Protein backbone atom coordinates (compact mmCIF):
# COMPACT_ATOMS: atom_id res chain seq x y z
CA MET A 1 14.59 -11.82 33.98
CA ARG A 2 12.20 -9.92 31.61
CA ASN A 3 12.46 -12.71 28.97
CA GLN A 4 11.46 -15.38 31.43
CA LEU A 5 8.40 -13.39 32.45
CA LEU A 6 7.42 -12.94 28.89
CA LYS A 7 7.72 -16.79 28.30
CA SER A 8 5.66 -17.54 31.35
CA VAL A 9 2.88 -15.34 30.17
CA GLU A 10 2.76 -17.12 26.77
CA ARG A 11 2.80 -20.42 28.38
CA GLY A 12 0.56 -19.73 31.34
CA ASP A 13 3.16 -21.00 33.78
CA VAL A 14 2.67 -20.58 37.66
CA LEU A 15 6.02 -19.51 39.15
CA ASP A 16 7.54 -19.43 42.52
CA MET A 17 9.25 -16.11 43.01
CA MET A 18 11.65 -14.66 45.69
CA TYR A 19 10.93 -10.91 45.81
CA LEU A 20 12.74 -7.98 47.70
CA SER A 21 10.12 -5.38 48.79
CA LYS A 22 10.72 -1.67 48.95
CA SER A 23 11.23 -1.95 52.64
CA GLY A 24 13.87 -4.54 52.20
CA GLN A 25 11.74 -7.52 53.24
CA ILE A 26 12.36 -10.76 51.30
CA SER A 27 9.24 -12.77 50.54
CA LYS A 28 8.38 -15.94 48.53
CA ARG A 29 5.46 -15.62 46.34
CA ARG A 30 3.62 -18.04 44.04
CA ILE A 31 2.32 -15.96 41.16
CA GLN A 32 0.94 -16.22 37.55
CA VAL A 33 2.12 -13.52 35.30
CA ILE A 34 -0.55 -11.47 33.54
CA GLN A 35 1.18 -8.62 31.72
CA VAL A 36 4.94 -7.51 31.39
CA GLY A 37 6.02 -3.82 31.06
CA ASP A 38 9.45 -2.25 30.79
CA ALA A 39 10.21 -1.89 34.44
CA SER A 40 7.21 -3.75 36.23
CA PHE A 41 4.82 -6.60 35.60
CA ARG A 42 1.23 -7.42 36.91
CA ALA A 43 0.66 -10.95 38.24
CA TYR A 44 -1.90 -12.76 40.31
CA CYS A 45 -0.28 -13.34 43.65
CA HIS A 46 -1.69 -16.60 45.30
CA LEU A 47 -0.33 -15.45 48.73
CA ARG A 48 -2.39 -12.24 48.78
CA LYS A 49 -5.15 -13.82 46.43
CA THR A 50 -5.32 -10.67 44.35
CA ARG A 51 -3.56 -9.03 41.28
CA ARG A 52 -0.35 -7.15 42.19
CA THR A 53 2.25 -5.10 40.39
CA PHE A 54 5.96 -6.01 40.92
CA THR A 55 9.17 -4.30 39.92
CA ILE A 56 11.24 -6.49 37.73
CA ASP A 57 14.54 -5.23 39.28
CA ASN A 58 13.38 -6.41 42.73
CA VAL A 59 12.81 -10.15 41.50
CA LEU A 60 15.54 -12.07 43.15
CA ALA A 61 14.65 -15.59 41.61
CA LEU A 62 11.88 -17.18 39.49
CA VAL A 63 11.31 -20.93 39.48
CA PRO A 64 8.37 -22.52 37.41
CA VAL A 65 6.04 -24.74 39.49
CA ILE A 66 5.83 -28.16 38.00
CA ARG A 67 2.54 -29.81 38.17
CA LYS A 68 2.45 -33.60 38.08
CA GLU A 69 -0.77 -35.06 36.61
CA SER A 70 -1.96 -38.13 38.01
CA MET A 71 -3.72 -40.87 35.80
CA VAL A 72 -7.08 -41.98 36.82
CA ILE A 73 -7.80 -45.61 35.97
């Protein structure tokens, strides 16, 4: 999981994340990872519209968001 986070920082990817909170709630977040540490990472959370710190062990799934570009003629 940590390697995927590090690669997303390099590429500037936006990710969809399934996350388990400390209280046991599962949430889906759209994030852009800013910095990765040993046990946690900082990311911009589009749901909360602010930077948040997440625990790597609480990440259930990460999926890159694929953006399709449209051609203008």
